[in-house]
Amino acid sequence: MLSEVIISNKYKQKKPDFTFEFKQSAERLVNKKEYTHRQATDN
């Protein structure tokens, strides 16, 4: 059973690491320009 856990974690996709500047920029787009969250991340 332990080997099953290790194998499943091996193929798990890692969450992207976003910089603080990227997060601030996305927050500005969402709050001030009324973008959706998806639109902000696509820009």
Protein backbone atom coordinates (compact mmCIF):
# COMPACT_ATOMS: atom_id res chain seq x y z
CA MET A 1 0.00 0.00 0.00
CA LEU A 2 2.85 2.40 0.74
CA SER A 3 4.22 1.98 -2.79
CA GLU A 4 0.80 2.96 -4.20
CA VAL A 5 0.95 6.26 -2.32
CA ILE A 6 4.47 7.00 -3.53
CA ILE A 7 3.54 6.25 -7.15
CA SER A 8 0.40 8.38 -7.07
CA ASN A 9 2.31 11.35 -5.59
CA LYS A 10 5.02 10.96 -8.23
CA TYR A 11 2.59 11.82 -11.04
CA LYS A 12 0.69 14.52 -9.20
CA GLN A 13 0.89 17.88 -10.94
CA LYS A 14 2.66 20.56 -8.92
CA LYS A 15 0.81 23.80 -8.22
CA PRO A 16 2.47 26.75 -9.92
CA ASP A 17 4.37 29.20 -7.73
CA PHE A 18 3.26 32.76 -8.43
CA THR A 19 5.43 35.71 -7.47
CA PHE A 20 4.17 38.33 -5.09
CA GLU A 21 4.27 40.90 -7.94
CA PHE A 22 2.09 38.67 -10.13
CA LYS A 23 -0.45 38.28 -7.33
CA GLN A 24 -0.52 42.06 -6.74
CA SER A 25 -1.02 42.71 -10.43
CA ALA A 26 -3.85 40.18 -10.66
CA GLU A 27 -5.48 41.66 -7.55
CA ARG A 28 -5.40 45.13 -9.11
CA LEU A 29 -7.05 43.87 -12.29
CA VAL A 30 -9.81 42.09 -10.38
CA ASN A 31 -10.55 44.85 -7.86
CA LYS A 32 -9.99 48.03 -9.86
CA LYS A 33 -10.74 47.07 -13.45
CA GLU A 34 -13.43 44.51 -12.63
CA TYR A 35 -11.76 41.64 -14.45
CA THR A 36 -12.77 38.09 -13.61
CA HIS A 37 -10.14 35.95 -11.88
CA ARG A 38 -9.59 34.03 -15.12
CA GLN A 39 -9.14 37.20 -17.16
CA ALA A 40 -6.59 38.52 -14.67
CA THR A 41 -4.50 35.36 -14.82
CA ASP A 42 -4.63 35.25 -18.62
CA ASN A 43 -3.15 38.78 -18.94
